[in-house]
C-alpha cells in the first residue's frame, strides 16, 4: 500500500518536474523575444526622432507659400 502511494507520488513529481522544465524554456524564449523587441523599438525610436528632426529643419528653411 505504501509502495503504491510512493510510486504514484514519484510519478506525479516526475510529471511536475518535466512541466516545470518546459515552462522554464518558454519563459527563457519569451525573455529573448522581449529583449529583441526592445532593441528594435529603441532603433525605431531613433529613426523616428531623426526623421522628425529632418522634417523640422526642412519646415524651418521652407519659404511660405505666398513667396
Protein backbone atom coordinates (compact mmCIF):
# COMPACT_ATOMS: atom_id res chain seq x y z
CA UNK A 1 0.00 0.00 0.00
CA UNK A 2 2.72 2.48 0.94
CA UNK A 3 4.73 1.43 -2.09
CA UNK A 4 1.81 2.16 -4.41
CA UNK A 5 1.34 5.59 -2.86
CA UNK A 6 5.07 6.25 -3.08
CA UNK A 7 5.10 5.18 -6.75
CA UNK A 8 2.18 7.50 -7.54
CA UNK A 9 3.91 10.40 -5.81
CA UNK A 10 7.15 9.75 -7.67
CA UNK A 11 5.25 9.69 -10.98
CA UNK A 12 3.50 12.96 -10.15
CA UNK A 13 6.80 14.55 -9.20
CA UNK A 14 8.32 13.40 -12.49
CA UNK A 15 5.49 14.99 -14.47
CA UNK A 16 5.73 18.20 -12.44
CA UNK A 17 9.49 18.39 -12.98
CA UNK A 18 9.03 17.91 -16.72
CA UNK A 19 6.32 20.53 -16.84
CA UNK A 20 8.47 22.92 -14.83
CA UNK A 21 11.36 22.48 -17.30
CA UNK A 22 9.04 23.10 -20.25
CA UNK A 23 7.62 26.25 -18.65
CA UNK A 24 11.14 27.45 -17.87
CA UNK A 25 12.09 27.04 -21.55
CA UNK A 26 9.05 29.07 -22.55
CA UNK A 27 9.97 31.84 -20.11
CA UNK A 28 13.55 31.91 -21.42
CA UNK A 29 12.34 32.19 -25.02
CA UNK A 30 9.89 34.93 -24.08
CA UNK A 31 12.69 36.82 -22.36
CA UNK A 32 14.81 36.61 -25.51
CA UNK A 33 11.87 37.78 -27.62
CA UNK A 34 11.18 40.71 -25.29
CA UNK A 35 14.84 41.75 -25.36
CA UNK A 36 14.87 41.56 -29.16
CA UNK A 37 11.67 43.62 -29.41
CA UNK A 38 13.01 46.23 -27.00
CA UNK A 39 16.15 46.64 -29.14
CA UNK A 40 14.01 47.01 -32.25
CA UNK A 41 11.79 49.55 -30.50
CA UNK A 42 14.80 51.66 -29.49
CA UNK A 43 16.07 51.58 -33.08
CA UNK A 44 12.66 52.67 -34.36
CA UNK A 45 12.52 55.50 -31.80
CA UNK A 46 15.90 56.77 -33.02
CA UNK A 47 14.77 56.61 -36.65
CA UNK A 48 11.54 58.47 -35.91
CA UNK A 49 13.44 61.14 -33.97
CA UNK A 50 15.90 61.55 -36.83
CA UNK A 51 13.04 61.87 -39.32
CA UNK A 52 11.28 64.40 -37.12
CA UNK A 53 14.49 66.44 -36.84
CA UNK A 54 14.96 66.42 -40.62
CA UNK A 55 11.33 67.39 -41.17
CA UNK A 56 11.59 70.21 -38.62
CA UNK A 57 14.72 71.54 -40.34
CA UNK A 58 13.01 71.42 -43.72
CA UNK A 59 10.00 73.30 -42.35
CA UNK A 60 12.23 75.97 -40.82
CA UNK A 61 14.03 76.55 -44.12
CA UNK A 62 10.96 76.40 -46.34
CA UNK A 63 9.59 79.65 -47.72
CA UNK A 64 5.94 80.42 -47.04
CA UNK A 65 3.60 79.63 -49.96
CA UNK A 66 2.94 83.29 -50.83
CA UNK A 67 6.60 83.94 -51.83
